[in-house]
C-alpha atoms as a PDB file:
ATOM      1  CA  MET A   1     128.317 -50.929 108.203  1.00  0.00           C
ATOM      2  CA  ARG A   2     128.577 -47.329 109.395  1.00  0.00           C
ATOM      3  CA  ILE A   3     125.939 -44.735 108.546  1.00  0.00           C
ATOM      4  CA  ASP A   4     126.199 -40.978 109.132  1.00  0.00           C
ATOM      5  CA  ALA A   5     123.704 -38.308 108.147  1.00  0.00           C
ATOM      6  CA  PHE A   6     123.409 -34.551 108.430  1.00  0.00           C
ATOM      7  CA  SER A   7     120.724 -32.090 107.355  1.00  0.00           C
ATOM      8  CA  GLU A   8     120.313 -28.367 107.941  1.00  0.00           C
ATOM      9  CA  GLY A   9     117.636 -26.061 106.590  1.00  0.00           C
ATOM     10  CA  LYS A  10     118.585 -22.866 104.824  1.00  0.00           C
ATOM     11  CA  ASN A  11     116.747 -20.694 107.351  1.00  0.00           C
ATOM     12  CA  LEU A  12     118.745 -21.003 110.552  1.00  0.00           C
ATOM     13  CA  ASP A  13     115.924 -19.381 112.530  1.00  0.00           C
ATOM     14  CA  ASP A  14     113.269 -21.799 111.231  1.00  0.00           C
ATOM     15  CA  PRO A  15     114.785 -25.303 111.176  1.00  0.00           C
ATOM     16  CA  GLY A  16     111.345 -26.876 110.877  1.00  0.00           C
ATOM     17  CA  ALA A  17     110.997 -25.404 107.386  1.00  0.00           C
ATOM     18  CA  ASN A  18     113.777 -27.653 106.029  1.00  0.00           C
ATOM     19  CA  GLU A  19     112.503 -29.083 102.739  1.00  0.00           C
ATOM     20  CA  ASP A  20     115.200 -31.779 102.569  1.00  0.00           C
ATOM     21  CA  GLN A  21     114.573 -35.233 103.983  1.00  0.00           C
ATOM     22  CA  PHE A  22     116.671 -38.355 104.324  1.00  0.00           C
ATOM     23  CA  LEU A  23     115.841 -42.025 104.651  1.00  0.00           C
ATOM     24  CA  ILE A  24     117.903 -44.746 106.348  1.00  0.00           C
ATOM     25  CA  LEU A  25     116.655 -48.323 106.133  1.00  0.00           C
ATOM     26  CA  PRO A  26     119.549 -50.738 106.706  1.00  0.00           C
ATOM     27  CA  ASP A  27     119.437 -53.775 104.386  1.00  0.00           C
ATOM     28  CA  ARG A  28     116.851 -51.980 102.234  1.00  0.00           C
ATOM     29  CA  GLY A  29     118.186 -48.625 101.127  1.00  0.00           C
ATOM     30  CA  PHE A  30     119.282 -45.078 101.791  1.00  0.00           C
ATOM     31  CA  ALA A  31     118.063 -41.848 100.233  1.00  0.00           C
ATOM     32  CA  VAL A  32     118.093 -38.083 100.277  1.00  0.00           C
ATOM     33  CA  ILE A  33     115.069 -36.114  99.099  1.00  0.00           C
ATOM     34  CA  ASP A  34     114.994 -32.433  98.154  1.00  0.00           C
ATOM     35  CA  GLY A  35     111.562 -30.821  98.168  1.00  0.00           C
ATOM     36  CA  VAL A  36     111.223 -28.190  95.453  1.00  0.00           C
ATOM     37  CA  THR A  37     110.723 -24.781  97.043  1.00  0.00           C
ATOM     38  CA  ASP A  38     107.232 -23.402  96.457  1.00  0.00           C
ATOM     39  CA  ARG A  39     106.910 -19.790  95.255  1.00  0.00           C
ATOM     40  CA  THR A  40     103.115 -19.428  95.459  1.00  0.00           C
ATOM     41  CA  GLY A  41     102.865 -19.254  99.252  1.00  0.00           C
ATOM     42  CA  HIS A  42     100.135 -21.892  99.534  1.00  0.00           C
ATOM     43  CA  ARG A  43     100.289 -24.051 102.653  1.00  0.00           C
ATOM     44  CA  TYR A  44      99.163 -27.631 103.243  1.00  0.00           C
ATOM     45  CA  ASP A  45      98.714 -28.800 106.817  1.00  0.00           C
ATOM     46  CA  GLY A  46     100.661 -25.655 107.707  1.00  0.00           C
ATOM     47  CA  MET A  47     103.575 -26.507 105.392  1.00  0.00           C
ATOM     48  CA  LEU A  48     104.741 -25.062 102.110  1.00  0.00           C
ATOM     49  CA  ALA A  49     104.623 -27.414  99.141  1.00  0.00           C
ATOM     50  CA  GLY A  50     108.356 -28.176  99.158  1.00  0.00           C
ATOM     51  CA  ARG A  51     108.319 -29.568 102.682  1.00  0.00           C
ATOM     52  CA  MET A  52     105.093 -31.466 102.048  1.00  0.00           C
ATOM     53  CA  ALA A  53     106.589 -32.950  98.887  1.00  0.00           C
ATOM     54  CA  GLY A  54     109.721 -34.072 100.706  1.00  0.00           C
ATOM     55  CA  LEU A  55     107.701 -35.841 103.374  1.00  0.00           C
ATOM     56  CA  VAL A  56     105.371 -37.538 100.884  1.00  0.00           C
ATOM     57  CA  VAL A  57     108.281 -38.776  98.755  1.00  0.00           C
ATOM     58  CA  ARG A  58     110.227 -39.949 101.808  1.00  0.00           C
ATOM     59  CA  ASP A  59     107.325 -41.950 103.204  1.00  0.00           C
ATOM     60  CA  ALA A  60     106.309 -43.396  99.840  1.00  0.00           C
ATOM     61  CA  THR A  61     109.895 -44.466  99.115  1.00  0.00           C
ATOM     62  CA  ALA A  62     110.144 -46.099 102.529  1.00  0.00           C
ATOM     63  CA  GLY A  63     106.902 -47.988 101.980  1.00  0.00           C
ATOM     64  CA  PHE A  64     108.134 -49.218  98.617  1.00  0.00           C
ATOM     65  CA  LEU A  65     111.486 -50.396  99.948  1.00  0.00           C
ATOM     66  CA  LEU A  66     109.911 -52.224 102.882  1.00  0.00           C
ATOM     67  CA  ASP A  67     107.468 -54.171 100.706  1.00  0.00           C
ATOM     68  CA  PRO A  68     108.977 -57.652 100.042  1.00  0.00           C
ATOM     69  CA  ALA A  69     107.317 -57.622  96.616  1.00  0.00           C
ATOM     70  CA  ASN A  70     109.706 -54.848  95.580  1.00  0.00           C
ATOM     71  CA  ARG A  71     112.903 -56.577  96.665  1.00  0.00           C
ATOM     72  CA  ASP A  72     114.342 -56.398  93.127  1.00  0.00           C
ATOM     73  CA  LEU A  73     113.634 -52.638  93.008  1.00  0.00           C
ATOM     74  CA  ASP A  74     112.244 -51.887  89.572  1.00  0.00           C
ATOM     75  CA  PRO A  75     112.948 -48.122  89.123  1.00  0.00           C
ATOM     76  CA  ALA A  76     109.824 -47.611  87.001  1.00  0.00           C
ATOM     77  CA  ALA A  77     107.675 -49.252  89.681  1.00  0.00           C
ATOM     78  CA  LEU A  78     109.275 -47.054  92.342  1.00  0.00           C
ATOM     79  CA  VAL A  79     108.586 -43.886  90.349  1.00  0.00           C
ATOM     80  CA  ALA A  80     104.998 -44.991  89.721  1.00  0.00           C
ATOM     81  CA  HIS A  81     104.483 -45.711  93.425  1.00  0.00           C
ATOM     82  CA  VAL A  82     105.798 -42.319  94.530  1.00  0.00           C
ATOM     83  CA  THR A  83     103.847 -40.574  91.765  1.00  0.00           C
ATOM     84  CA  ALA A  84     100.629 -42.175  93.010  1.00  0.00           C
ATOM     85  CA  ALA A  85     101.378 -41.015  96.551  1.00  0.00           C
ATOM     86  CA  ILE A  86     101.763 -37.409  95.380  1.00  0.00           C
ATOM     87  CA  GLN A  87      98.556 -37.676  93.360  1.00  0.00           C
ATOM     88  CA  ALA A  88      96.790 -38.904  96.489  1.00  0.00           C
ATOM     89  CA  ALA A  89      98.087 -35.844  98.339  1.00  0.00           C
ATOM     90  CA  TYR A  90      96.689 -33.594  95.621  1.00  0.00           C
ATOM     91  CA  GLY A  91      93.330 -35.273  96.048  1.00  0.00           C
ATOM     92  CA  ARG A  92      93.434 -34.828  99.806  1.00  0.00           C
ATOM     93  CA  PHE A  93      94.025 -31.096  99.432  1.00  0.00           C
ATOM     94  CA  GLY A  94      91.620 -30.665  96.515  1.00  0.00           C
ATOM     95  CA  ILE A  95      94.170 -29.318  94.036  1.00  0.00           C
ATOM     96  CA  THR A  96      94.431 -32.121  91.461  1.00  0.00           C
ATOM     97  CA  GLU A  97      93.169 -30.114  88.495  1.00  0.00           C
ATOM     98  CA  ASP A  98      95.005 -26.981  89.580  1.00  0.00           C
ATOM     99  CA  ALA A  99      98.250 -28.953  89.723  1.00  0.00           C
ATOM    100  CA  ARG A 100      97.562 -30.495  86.327  1.00  0.00           C
ATOM    101  CA  ALA A 101      97.074 -27.090  84.717  1.00  0.00           C
ATOM    102  CA  ARG A 102      99.899 -25.196  86.451  1.00  0.00           C
ATOM    103  CA  PRO A 103     103.259 -26.838  87.164  1.00  0.00           C
ATOM    104  CA  ALA A 104     103.964 -23.992  89.624  1.00  0.00           C
ATOM    105  CA  ARG A 105     101.225 -25.372  91.871  1.00  0.00           C
ATOM    106  CA  ARG A 106     102.640 -28.894  91.984  1.00  0.00           C
ATOM    107  CA  PHE A 107     104.463 -30.587  94.801  1.00  0.00           C
ATOM    108  CA  GLY A 108     107.915 -31.559  93.595  1.00  0.00           C
ATOM    109  CA  ALA A 109     110.966 -33.383  94.916  1.00  0.00           C
ATOM    110  CA  THR A 110     114.189 -34.932  93.736  1.00  0.00           C
ATOM    111  CA  LEU A 111     115.369 -38.327  94.948  1.00  0.00           C
ATOM    112  CA  ALA A 112     118.812 -39.895  95.201  1.00  0.00           C
ATOM    113  CA  LEU A 113     118.464 -43.517  96.308  1.00  0.00           C
ATOM    114  CA  ALA A 114     120.931 -46.318  96.949  1.00  0.00           C
ATOM    115  CA  ALA A 115     118.936 -49.535  97.239  1.00  0.00           C
ATOM    116  CA  ASP A 116     120.576 -52.541  98.897  1.00  0.00           C
ATOM    117  CA  LEU A 117     119.696 -55.586  96.777  1.00  0.00           C
ATOM    118  CA  GLY A 118     122.113 -57.960  98.466  1.00  0.00           C
ATOM    119  CA  ASP A 119     124.819 -58.597  95.906  1.00  0.00           C
ATOM    120  CA  ILE A 120     124.463 -55.154  94.331  1.00  0.00           C
ATOM    121  CA  PHE A 121     123.613 -51.579  95.151  1.00  0.00           C
ATOM    122  CA  ARG A 122     121.158 -49.994  92.727  1.00  0.00           C
ATOM    123  CA  ILE A 123     121.446 -46.224  92.440  1.00  0.00           C
ATOM    124  CA  VAL A 124     118.376 -44.310  91.250  1.00  0.00           C
ATOM    125  CA  LEU A 125     118.598 -40.565  90.624  1.00  0.00           C
ATOM    126  CA  VAL A 126     115.459 -38.541  89.944  1.00  0.00           C
ATOM    127  CA  GLY A 127     116.501 -34.916  89.522  1.00  0.00           C
ATOM    128  CA  ASP A 128     119.688 -33.166  90.564  1.00  0.00           C
ATOM    129  CA  SER A 129     120.435 -34.671  93.959  1.00  0.00           C
ATOM    130  CA  GLY A 130     123.631 -36.658  93.585  1.00  0.00           C
ATOM    131  CA  VAL A 131     125.763 -39.578  94.656  1.00  0.00           C
ATOM    132  CA  ARG A 132     129.473 -40.234  95.081  1.00  0.00           C
ATOM    133  CA  LEU A 133     130.819 -43.774  95.194  1.00  0.00           C
ATOM    134  CA  ASN A 134     134.076 -44.748  96.872  1.00  0.00           C
ATOM    135  CA  GLY A 135     134.942 -41.090  97.341  1.00  0.00           C
ATOM    136  CA  GLU A 136     135.736 -40.790  93.627  1.00  0.00           C
ATOM    137  CA  GLU A 137     132.866 -41.432  91.225  1.00  0.00           C
ATOM    138  CA  LEU A 138     130.621 -38.347  91.366  1.00  0.00           C
ATOM    139  CA  ILE A 139     127.271 -38.491  89.569  1.00  0.00           C
ATOM    140  CA  VAL A 140     124.891 -35.533  89.305  1.00  0.00           C
ATOM    141  CA  VAL A 141     122.306 -35.203  86.531  1.00  0.00           C
ATOM    142  CA  ASP A 142     122.378 -31.558  85.423  1.00  0.00           C
ATOM    143  CA  PRO A 143     120.644 -30.496  82.171  1.00  0.00           C
ATOM    144  CA  GLY A 144     122.029 -26.957  82.478  1.00  0.00           C
ATOM    145  CA  LEU A 145     118.729 -25.187  83.061  1.00  0.00           C
ATOM    146  CA  ASP A 146     119.971 -23.659  86.329  1.00  0.00           C
ATOM    147  CA  LYS A 147     122.847 -22.034  84.465  1.00  0.00           C
ATOM    148  CA  VAL A 148     120.351 -20.081  82.365  1.00  0.00           C
ATOM    149  CA  THR A 149     118.327 -18.891  85.345  1.00  0.00           C
ATOM    150  CA  ALA A 150     121.440 -18.097  87.366  1.00  0.00           C
ATOM    151  CA  GLY A 151     122.602 -16.030  84.402  1.00  0.00           C
ATOM    152  CA  ILE A 152     119.511 -13.829  84.730  1.00  0.00           C
ATOM    153  CA  ARG A 153     120.314 -13.072  88.355  1.00  0.00           C
ATOM    154  CA  LEU A 154     123.982 -12.386  87.693  1.00  0.00           C
ATOM    155  CA  ALA A 155     123.302 -10.080  84.742  1.00  0.00           C
ATOM    156  CA  ALA A 156     120.739  -8.066  86.686  1.00  0.00           C
ATOM    157  CA  TRP A 157     123.097  -7.750  89.655  1.00  0.00           C
ATOM    158  CA  GLN A 158     125.934  -6.538  87.396  1.00  0.00           C
ATOM    159  CA  ILE A 159     123.748  -3.785  85.930  1.00  0.00           C
ATOM    160  CA  LEU A 160     122.654  -2.500  89.317  1.00  0.00           C
ATOM    161  CA  GLU A 161     126.137  -2.745  90.778  1.00  0.00           C
ATOM    162  CA  ALA A 162     127.506  -0.677  87.879  1.00  0.00           C
ATOM    163  CA  GLU A 163     124.867   1.969  88.588  1.00  0.00           C
ATOM    164  CA  GLY A 164     125.876   2.183  92.242  1.00  0.00           C
ATOM    165  CA  ALA A 165     122.865   0.411  93.713  1.00  0.00           C
ATOM    166  CA  PRO A 166     123.218  -0.649  97.365  1.00  0.00           C
ATOM    167  CA  ARG A 167     123.618  -4.377  98.005  1.00  0.00           C
ATOM    168  CA  ALA A 168     120.089  -4.681  99.400  1.00  0.00           C
ATOM    169  CA  ASP A 169     118.668  -3.401  96.111  1.00  0.00           C
ATOM    170  CA  CYS A 170     120.951  -5.684  94.093  1.00  0.00           C
ATOM    171  CA  LEU A 171     119.585  -8.621  96.074  1.00  0.00           C
ATOM    172  CA  ARG A 172     115.960  -7.561  95.706  1.00  0.00           C
ATOM    173  CA  VAL A 173     115.948  -6.707  92.023  1.00  0.00           C
ATOM    174  CA  SER A 174     118.078  -9.644  90.851  1.00  0.00           C
ATOM    175  CA  ARG A 175     115.880 -12.022  92.846  1.00  0.00           C
ATOM    176  CA  SER A 176     112.749 -10.597  91.242  1.00  0.00           C
ATOM    177  CA  CYS A 177     114.281 -10.932  87.780  1.00  0.00           C
ATOM    178  CA  VAL A 178     115.234 -14.578  88.176  1.00  0.00           C
ATOM    179  CA  PHE A 179     111.979 -15.675  89.801  1.00  0.00           C
ATOM    180  CA  ASN A 180     109.537 -13.594  87.750  1.00  0.00           C
ATOM    181  CA  GLY A 181     111.424 -13.561  84.472  1.00  0.00           C
ATOM    182  CA  LEU A 182     112.178 -10.655  82.197  1.00  0.00           C
ATOM    183  CA  LYS A 183     109.016 -10.318  80.125  1.00  0.00           C
ATOM    184  CA  ASN A 184     107.120  -8.000  82.458  1.00  0.00           C
ATOM    185  CA  LEU A 185     108.349  -5.247  84.743  1.00  0.00           C
ATOM    186  CA  GLN A 186     107.585  -6.016  88.390  1.00  0.00           C
ATOM    187  CA  PRO A 187     107.109  -3.391  91.122  1.00  0.00           C
ATOM    188  CA  ASP A 188     110.123  -4.625  93.091  1.00  0.00           C
ATOM    189  CA  MET A 189     112.379  -4.158  90.057  1.00  0.00           C
ATOM    190  CA  ARG A 190     111.947  -0.398  90.329  1.00  0.00           C
ATOM    191  CA  PRO A 191     113.473   2.167  90.464  1.00  0.00           C
ATOM    192  CA  TRP A 192     116.579   0.539  89.001  1.00  0.00           C
ATOM    193  CA  LEU A 193     114.858  -1.017  86.007  1.00  0.00           C
ATOM    194  CA  ASP A 194     112.229   0.370  83.649  1.00  0.00           C
ATOM    195  CA  ARG A 195     110.656  -1.229  80.599  1.00  0.00           C
ATOM    196  CA  ARG A 196     113.475  -0.241  78.297  1.00  0.00           C
ATOM    197  CA  SER A 197     116.295  -1.412  80.566  1.00  0.00           C
ATOM    198  CA  LEU A 198     114.387  -4.627  81.291  1.00  0.00           C
ATOM    199  CA  ALA A 199     114.145  -5.293  77.556  1.00  0.00           C
ATOM    200  CA  ASP A 200     117.890  -4.648  77.210  1.00  0.00           C
ATOM    201  CA  LEU A 201     118.571  -7.057  80.081  1.00  0.00           C
ATOM    202  CA  ARG A 202     116.401  -9.672  78.389  1.00  0.00           C
ATOM    203  CA  ASP A 203     118.338  -9.309  75.125  1.00  0.00           C
ATOM    204  CA  THR A 204     121.645  -9.652  76.990  1.00  0.00           C
ATOM    205  CA  CYS A 205     120.547 -12.791  78.834  1.00  0.00           C
ATOM    206  CA  LEU A 206     119.120 -14.369  75.705  1.00  0.00           C
ATOM    207  CA  ALA A 207     122.300 -13.725  73.728  1.00  0.00           C
ATOM    208  CA  ARG A 208     124.499 -15.186  76.494  1.00  0.00           C
ATOM    209  CA  ALA A 209     122.283 -18.251  76.857  1.00  0.00           C
ATOM    210  CA  ALA A 210     122.269 -18.809  73.101  1.00  0.00           C
ATOM    211  CA  ARG A 211     126.070 -18.804  73.070  1.00  0.00           C
ATOM    212  CA  CYS A 212     126.321 -21.219  76.000  1.00  0.00           C
ATOM    213  CA  PHE A 213     123.534 -23.533  74.807  1.00  0.00           C
ATOM    214  CA  ALA A 214     123.956 -23.529  71.059  1.00  0.00           C
ATOM    215  CA  ASP A 215     121.956 -26.757  70.650  1.00  0.00           C
ATOM    216  CA  THR A 216     118.931 -25.420  72.566  1.00  0.00           C
ATOM    217  CA  PRO A 217     116.113 -23.860  70.494  1.00  0.00           C
ATOM    218  CA  LYS A 218     115.847 -20.105  70.949  1.00  0.00           C
ATOM    219  CA  ALA A 219     112.153 -20.492  71.724  1.00  0.00           C
ATOM    220  CA  ASP A 220     112.996 -22.662  74.757  1.00  0.00           C
ATOM    221  CA  LEU A 221     115.477 -20.113  76.061  1.00  0.00           C
ATOM    222  CA  GLU A 222     112.872 -17.370  75.608  1.00  0.00           C
ATOM    223  CA  ILE A 223     110.297 -19.332  77.602  1.00  0.00           C
ATOM    224  CA  LEU A 224     112.719 -19.750  80.477  1.00  0.00           C
ATOM    225  CA  ILE A 225     114.084 -16.208  80.453  1.00  0.00           C
ATOM    226  CA  ASP A 226     110.665 -14.586  80.014  1.00  0.00           C
ATOM    227  CA  GLY A 227     108.872 -16.685  82.621  1.00  0.00           C
ATOM    228  CA  GLY A 228     111.682 -17.165  85.122  1.00  0.00           C
ATOM    229  CA  ILE A 229     111.566 -19.830  87.784  1.00  0.00           C
ATOM    230  CA  ILE A 230     107.916 -19.332  88.694  1.00  0.00           C
ATOM    231  CA  GLU A 231     106.260 -19.663  85.289  1.00  0.00           C
ATOM    232  CA  GLY A 232     108.969 -20.580  82.796  1.00  0.00           C
ATOM    233  CA  GLN A 233     110.961 -23.342  84.457  1.00  0.00           C
ATOM    234  CA  GLY A 234     108.009 -25.669  84.952  1.00  0.00           C
ATOM    235  CA  ARG A 235     107.523 -25.913  81.184  1.00  0.00           C
ATOM    236  CA  PHE A 236     110.598 -28.140  81.059  1.00  0.00           C
ATOM    237  CA  GLN A 237     109.645 -30.319  84.020  1.00  0.00           C
ATOM    238  CA  ASN A 238     109.498 -33.978  82.914  1.00  0.00           C
ATOM    239  CA  ASN A 239     109.424 -32.799  79.303  1.00  0.00           C
ATOM    240  CA  THR A 240     111.762 -34.730  77.054  1.00  0.00           C
ATOM    241  CA  GLU A 241     111.278 -32.429  74.038  1.00  0.00           C
ATOM    242  CA  SER A 242     113.905 -29.861  75.093  1.00  0.00           C
ATOM    243  CA  PRO A 243     117.595 -30.072  75.993  1.00  0.00           C
ATOM    244  CA  LEU A 244     116.604 -28.089  79.098  1.00  0.00           C
ATOM    245  CA  SER A 245     114.287 -30.857  80.281  1.00  0.00           C
ATOM    246  CA  TYR A 246     114.751 -31.979  83.856  1.00  0.00           C
ATOM    247  CA  CYS A 247     113.300 -34.688  86.043  1.00  0.00           C
ATOM    248  CA  VAL A 248     111.279 -34.310  89.235  1.00  0.00           C
ATOM    249  CA  LEU A 249     108.729 -36.351  91.162  1.00  0.00           C
ATOM    250  CA  ASP A 250     105.579 -34.207  90.937  1.00  0.00           C
ATOM    251  CA  GLY A 251     102.580 -36.538  90.819  1.00  0.00           C
ATOM    252  CA  PHE A 252     102.462 -36.692  87.024  1.00  0.00           C
ATOM    253  CA  ALA A 253     104.208 -38.843  84.423  1.00  0.00           C
ATOM    254  CA  VAL A 254     107.984 -39.012  84.811  1.00  0.00           C
ATOM    255  CA  PRO A 255     109.766 -40.073  81.585  1.00  0.00           C
ATOM    256  CA  MET A 256     112.054 -42.901  82.585  1.00  0.00           C
ATOM    257  CA  LYS A 257     114.647 -41.749  80.050  1.00  0.00           C
ATOM    258  CA  LEU A 258     115.271 -38.832  82.442  1.00  0.00           C
ATOM    259  CA  VAL A 259     115.749 -41.149  85.443  1.00  0.00           C
ATOM    260  CA  HIS A 260     119.373 -42.187  85.916  1.00  0.00           C
ATOM    261  CA  THR A 261     119.889 -45.766  87.145  1.00  0.00           C
ATOM    262  CA  LEU A 262     123.094 -47.725  87.673  1.00  0.00           C
ATOM    263  CA  ASP A 263     124.130 -50.901  89.475  1.00  0.00           C
ATOM    264  CA  ARG A 264     127.370 -51.569  91.314  1.00  0.00           C
ATOM    265  CA  PRO A 265     128.510 -54.926  92.733  1.00  0.00           C
ATOM    266  CA  ARG A 266     128.427 -54.726  96.492  1.00  0.00           C
ATOM    267  CA  ALA A 267     131.975 -56.049  96.728  1.00  0.00           C
ATOM    268  CA  GLU A 268     133.203 -53.006  94.765  1.00  0.00           C
ATOM    269  CA  VAL A 269     131.451 -50.390  96.888  1.00  0.00           C
ATOM    270  CA  ARG A 270     133.278 -49.094  99.967  1.00  0.00           C
ATOM    271  CA  THR A 271     131.352 -45.864 100.525  1.00  0.00           C
ATOM    272  CA  ILE A 272     128.157 -44.258  99.255  1.00  0.00           C
ATOM    273  CA  GLU A 273     127.540 -40.526  99.706  1.00  0.00           C
ATOM    274  CA  LEU A 274     124.080 -39.194  98.818  1.00  0.00           C
ATOM    275  CA  PHE A 275     123.585 -35.429  98.862  1.00  0.00           C
ATOM    276  CA  THR A 276     121.227 -32.626  97.887  1.00  0.00           C
ATOM    277  CA  ASP A 277     122.222 -29.565  95.902  1.00  0.00           C
ATOM    278  CA  GLY A 278     122.674 -27.334  98.950  1.00  0.00           C
ATOM    279  CA  TYR A 279     126.250 -28.600  98.835  1.00  0.00           C
ATOM    280  CA  PHE A 280     128.010 -26.741  96.030  1.00  0.00           C
ATOM    281  CA  GLU A 281     131.178 -28.799  96.528  1.00  0.00           C
ATOM    282  CA  PRO A 282     131.662 -32.341  97.864  1.00  0.00           C
ATOM    283  CA  GLY A 283     133.818 -33.083 100.872  1.00  0.00           C
ATOM    284  CA  ASP A 284     137.450 -34.031 100.396  1.00  0.00           C
ATOM    285  CA  GLU A 285     136.642 -37.391 101.966  1.00  0.00           C
ATOM    286  CA  PRO A 286     133.481 -39.315 102.874  1.00  0.00           C
ATOM    287  CA  THR A 287     132.844 -37.784 106.295  1.00  0.00           C
ATOM    288  CA  ILE A 288     130.315 -35.273 107.605  1.00  0.00           C
ATOM    289  CA  ASP A 289     133.170 -33.065 108.814  1.00  0.00           C
ATOM    290  CA  ALA A 290     134.652 -32.965 105.315  1.00  0.00           C
ATOM    291  CA  TRP A 291     131.332 -32.104 103.680  1.00  0.00           C
ATOM    292  CA  GLU A 292     130.707 -29.352 106.209  1.00  0.00           C
ATOM    293  CA  ALA A 293     134.232 -28.018 105.717  1.00  0.00           C
ATOM    294  CA  ALA A 294     133.560 -27.837 101.971  1.00  0.00           C
ATOM    295  CA  PHE A 295     130.293 -26.020 102.654  1.00  0.00           C
ATOM    296  CA  ALA A 296     132.045 -23.525 104.961  1.00  0.00           C
ATOM    297  CA  GLU A 297     134.698 -22.828 102.334  1.00  0.00           C
ATOM    298  CA  VAL A 298     132.042 -22.126  99.701  1.00  0.00           C
ATOM    299  CA  GLU A 299     130.328 -19.733 102.095  1.00  0.00           C
ATOM    300  CA  ARG A 300     133.635 -18.005 102.804  1.00  0.00           C
ATOM    301  CA  THR A 301     134.687 -17.570  99.188  1.00  0.00           C
ATOM    302  CA  ASP A 302     131.339 -16.875  97.490  1.00  0.00           C
ATOM    303  CA  PRO A 303     128.438 -16.282  99.899  1.00  0.00           C
ATOM    304  CA  ASP A 304     126.424 -14.442  97.225  1.00  0.00           C
ATOM    305  CA  LYS A 305     126.865 -17.355  94.782  1.00  0.00           C
ATOM    306  CA  ARG A 306     127.840 -14.986  91.986  1.00  0.00           C
ATOM    307  CA  HIS A 307     131.442 -15.889  91.198  1.00  0.00           C
ATOM    308  CA  LEU A 308     132.787 -19.400  91.776  1.00  0.00           C
ATOM    309  CA  TYR A 309     129.356 -20.939  92.370  1.00  0.00           C
ATOM    310  CA  PRO A 310     126.775 -19.021  90.314  1.00  0.00           C
ATOM    311  CA  SER A 311     123.273 -19.817  91.468  1.00  0.00           C
ATOM    312  CA  VAL A 312     119.753 -18.395  91.549  1.00  0.00           C
ATOM    313  CA  LYS A 313     120.135 -17.747  95.284  1.00  0.00           C
ATOM    314  CA  GLY A 314     122.842 -16.693  97.680  1.00  0.00           C
ATOM    315  CA  THR A 315     123.228 -16.423 101.438  1.00  0.00           C
ATOM    316  CA  ILE A 316     121.431 -13.485 103.030  1.00  0.00           C
ATOM    317  CA  GLY A 317     122.214 -13.100 106.716  1.00  0.00           C
ATOM    318  CA  ARG A 318     120.970 -16.226 108.476  1.00  0.00           C
ATOM    319  CA  ILE A 319     119.277 -17.598 105.378  1.00  0.00           C
ATOM    320  CA  ARG A 320     121.564 -19.756 103.281  1.00  0.00           C
ATOM    321  CA  ALA A 321     121.196 -20.376  99.566  1.00  0.00           C
ATOM    322  CA  ASP A 322     119.564 -23.767 100.084  1.00  0.00           C
ATOM    323  CA  ASP A 323     118.826 -26.611 102.465  1.00  0.00           C
ATOM    324  CA  ARG A 324     121.569 -29.242 102.486  1.00  0.00           C
ATOM    325  CA  THR A 325     121.625 -32.918 103.374  1.00  0.00           C
ATOM    326  CA  VAL A 326     124.177 -35.702 103.103  1.00  0.00           C
ATOM    327  CA  VAL A 327     123.963 -39.406 103.972  1.00  0.00           C
ATOM    328  CA  ILE A 328     127.200 -41.384 104.107  1.00  0.00           C
ATOM    329  CA  VAL A 329     127.272 -45.183 104.146  1.00  0.00           C
ATOM    330  CA  GLU A 330     130.465 -47.142 104.738  1.00  0.00           C
ATOM    331  CA  THR A 331     129.733 -50.668 103.645  1.00  0.00           C
END
């Protein structure tokens, strides 16, 4: 068995802020974890919530895999174990009720796990970190919510660009729109947007989202577009009532219908590649060099993440769009 791993934080000048984690336990399992970036600024033991979440989920997953009682790896038991660990962290920092009331205050992380059960590999995906098997079968659970929020950023950028705004202002205003939403005018949206133009932008984004997501209730799209990532997105976290619902480990109930699980006979698995969403394209082959070459090509062709790879964030100087991590196992 050969195992390779690579992780790099988005801020090249602050590598310790990397919110991704990976786990390598030969004969037990392999995982990548993506801590959800915190937007409130609160720190816990000197760390933002995303990094704390990644560490808690990594350690709880390791403890679960190493316990002989969990050798058959029941996904529901794993999720419950990690959920309890996050709840314990809330208790330690005295924010349990705050986290219950406001999803924006919660620790959150995705998990892509390949558990080695002897004759089979069991893949468990919680959230949008992904897996590729044998260099061919690519599996990423994507409810489409990010396409709506990315659309806010792109529409705002287009308006400012058409008005001749400098790139720095396009970055600032579009970022504010996608993170704060379009219901209320924020100070850093000025002078390029006022209440009227913000309302027009909202109508444009809502109409585009309604066309792209015809099966999604308008009320759900309004919640997301009005509240943005900070206040709107969390309404769909572990909520099975909307087509926009997505899955994340956050210390509260995770509907197992949102957790993707599959088994593959060990004899049929040659390679396993686990990766976080900082990679917008997979490598041409299962090697670190290939994944990094794919990353470099994305950065070359669309550093702003507005054209080929629309996203809620782009690269700004020495700060990339996201942390990225890949673990490659050749069986």
